[in-house]
Amino acid sequence: MEFEDEYIFDRYSVQVIFIFLYTAVFILCFVGNSIVLLVVSLHWRMRHITKLCLANLAFADLCVGIFCVYQNLSTYLIR
């Protein structure tokens, strides 16, 4: 039985699946966290300490989505 020297992430089908998944995660992260930030900032009743902590978490998650997920997605797109 021969072992292939091919790395699994070099296969075209795996790359297409990863690009699709990274794109879906990026879009869901961006839209979901943007909605949370928009709701907390527009409604004055939402400005309690718990909701502000939630907004802070949404902002941090949005930054991770933009800087980390998008960077990994661009790496797969450049290949």
C-alpha atoms as a PDB file:
ATOM      1  CA  MET A   1       0.000   0.000   0.000  1.00  0.00           C
ATOM      2  CA  GLU A   2       1.464   3.307  -1.064  1.00  0.00           C
ATOM      3  CA  PHE A   3       1.165   6.479   0.925  1.00  0.00           C
ATOM      4  CA  GLU A   4       0.454   9.616  -0.970  1.00  0.00           C
ATOM      5  CA  ASP A   5       2.732  12.582  -0.432  1.00  0.00           C
ATOM      6  CA  GLU A   6      -0.191  14.896  -0.965  1.00  0.00           C
ATOM      7  CA  TYR A   7      -1.195  17.069   1.976  1.00  0.00           C
ATOM      8  CA  ILE A   8      -4.963  16.965   2.541  1.00  0.00           C
ATOM      9  CA  PHE A   9      -5.299  20.774   2.525  1.00  0.00           C
ATOM     10  CA  ASP A  10      -3.703  20.942  -0.928  1.00  0.00           C
ATOM     11  CA  ARG A  11      -6.673  19.184  -2.499  1.00  0.00           C
ATOM     12  CA  TYR A  12      -8.950  21.456  -4.489  1.00  0.00           C
ATOM     13  CA  SER A  13     -12.177  20.101  -2.978  1.00  0.00           C
ATOM     14  CA  VAL A  14     -10.933  20.682   0.577  1.00  0.00           C
ATOM     15  CA  GLN A  15      -9.879  24.225  -0.313  1.00  0.00           C
ATOM     16  CA  VAL A  16     -13.322  24.989  -1.751  1.00  0.00           C
ATOM     17  CA  ILE A  17     -15.007  23.681   1.401  1.00  0.00           C
ATOM     18  CA  PHE A  18     -12.700  25.739   3.628  1.00  0.00           C
ATOM     19  CA  ILE A  19     -13.282  28.896   1.579  1.00  0.00           C
ATOM     20  CA  PHE A  20     -17.047  28.384   1.818  1.00  0.00           C
ATOM     21  CA  LEU A  21     -16.911  27.764   5.583  1.00  0.00           C
ATOM     22  CA  TYR A  22     -14.609  30.718   6.279  1.00  0.00           C
ATOM     23  CA  THR A  23     -16.848  32.982   4.191  1.00  0.00           C
ATOM     24  CA  ALA A  24     -19.967  31.814   6.035  1.00  0.00           C
ATOM     25  CA  VAL A  25     -18.327  32.309   9.442  1.00  0.00           C
ATOM     26  CA  PHE A  26     -17.069  35.767   8.458  1.00  0.00           C
ATOM     27  CA  ILE A  27     -20.475  36.905   7.181  1.00  0.00           C
ATOM     28  CA  LEU A  28     -22.350  35.529  10.209  1.00  0.00           C
ATOM     29  CA  CYS A  29     -19.825  37.047  12.601  1.00  0.00           C
ATOM     30  CA  PHE A  30     -19.937  40.444  10.930  1.00  0.00           C
ATOM     31  CA  VAL A  31     -23.727  40.630  10.587  1.00  0.00           C
ATOM     32  CA  GLY A  32     -24.561  39.178  14.011  1.00  0.00           C
ATOM     33  CA  ASN A  33     -22.149  41.300  16.001  1.00  0.00           C
ATOM     34  CA  SER A  34     -23.040  44.425  14.029  1.00  0.00           C
ATOM     35  CA  ILE A  35     -26.715  43.898  14.893  1.00  0.00           C
ATOM     36  CA  VAL A  36     -25.873  43.522  18.595  1.00  0.00           C
ATOM     37  CA  LEU A  37     -23.809  46.721  18.557  1.00  0.00           C
ATOM     38  CA  LEU A  38     -26.505  48.583  16.641  1.00  0.00           C
ATOM     39  CA  VAL A  39     -29.296  47.540  19.018  1.00  0.00           C
ATOM     40  CA  VAL A  40     -27.300  48.409  22.139  1.00  0.00           C
ATOM     41  CA  SER A  41     -26.240  51.789  20.765  1.00  0.00           C
ATOM     42  CA  LEU A  42     -29.669  52.873  19.444  1.00  0.00           C
ATOM     43  CA  HIS A  43     -31.941  51.841  22.325  1.00  0.00           C
ATOM     44  CA  TRP A  44     -31.315  53.764  25.537  1.00  0.00           C
ATOM     45  CA  ARG A  45     -33.025  51.083  27.636  1.00  0.00           C
ATOM     46  CA  MET A  46     -30.350  48.623  26.568  1.00  0.00           C
ATOM     47  CA  ARG A  47     -27.571  50.638  28.229  1.00  0.00           C
ATOM     48  CA  HIS A  48     -27.258  48.672  31.463  1.00  0.00           C
ATOM     49  CA  ILE A  49     -23.961  47.258  32.657  1.00  0.00           C
ATOM     50  CA  THR A  50     -24.876  43.741  31.499  1.00  0.00           C
ATOM     51  CA  LYS A  51     -25.826  44.931  28.030  1.00  0.00           C
ATOM     52  CA  LEU A  52     -22.667  47.038  27.787  1.00  0.00           C
ATOM     53  CA  CYS A  53     -20.599  43.975  28.660  1.00  0.00           C
ATOM     54  CA  LEU A  54     -22.454  42.119  25.909  1.00  0.00           C
ATOM     55  CA  ALA A  55     -21.677  44.967  23.496  1.00  0.00           C
ATOM     56  CA  ASN A  56     -18.018  44.832  24.516  1.00  0.00           C
ATOM     57  CA  LEU A  57     -17.967  41.094  23.832  1.00  0.00           C
ATOM     58  CA  ALA A  58     -19.648  41.648  20.453  1.00  0.00           C
ATOM     59  CA  PHE A  59     -17.061  44.289  19.553  1.00  0.00           C
ATOM     60  CA  ALA A  60     -14.184  41.995  20.530  1.00  0.00           C
ATOM     61  CA  ASP A  61     -15.707  39.132  18.523  1.00  0.00           C
ATOM     62  CA  LEU A  62     -16.166  41.457  15.560  1.00  0.00           C
ATOM     63  CA  CYS A  63     -12.484  42.413  15.736  1.00  0.00           C
ATOM     64  CA  VAL A  64     -11.470  38.746  15.846  1.00  0.00           C
ATOM     65  CA  GLY A  65     -13.721  38.051  12.875  1.00  0.00           C
ATOM     66  CA  ILE A  66     -12.294  40.899  10.861  1.00  0.00           C
ATOM     67  CA  PHE A  67      -8.617  40.450  11.686  1.00  0.00           C
ATOM     68  CA  CYS A  68      -8.301  36.672  12.125  1.00  0.00           C
ATOM     69  CA  VAL A  69     -11.003  34.966  10.081  1.00  0.00           C
ATOM     70  CA  TYR A  70     -10.615  37.357   7.152  1.00  0.00           C
ATOM     71  CA  GLN A  71      -6.836  36.896   7.190  1.00  0.00           C
ATOM     72  CA  ASN A  72      -7.200  33.099   7.041  1.00  0.00           C
ATOM     73  CA  LEU A  73      -9.790  33.432   4.280  1.00  0.00           C
ATOM     74  CA  SER A  74      -7.472  35.635   2.243  1.00  0.00           C
ATOM     75  CA  THR A  75      -4.695  33.067   2.682  1.00  0.00           C
ATOM     76  CA  TYR A  76      -6.901  30.389   1.102  1.00  0.00           C
ATOM     77  CA  LEU A  77      -7.980  32.742  -1.685  1.00  0.00           C
ATOM     78  CA  ILE A  78      -4.408  33.682  -2.624  1.00  0.00           C
ATOM     79  CA  ARG A  79      -3.267  30.061  -3.059  1.00  0.00           C
END
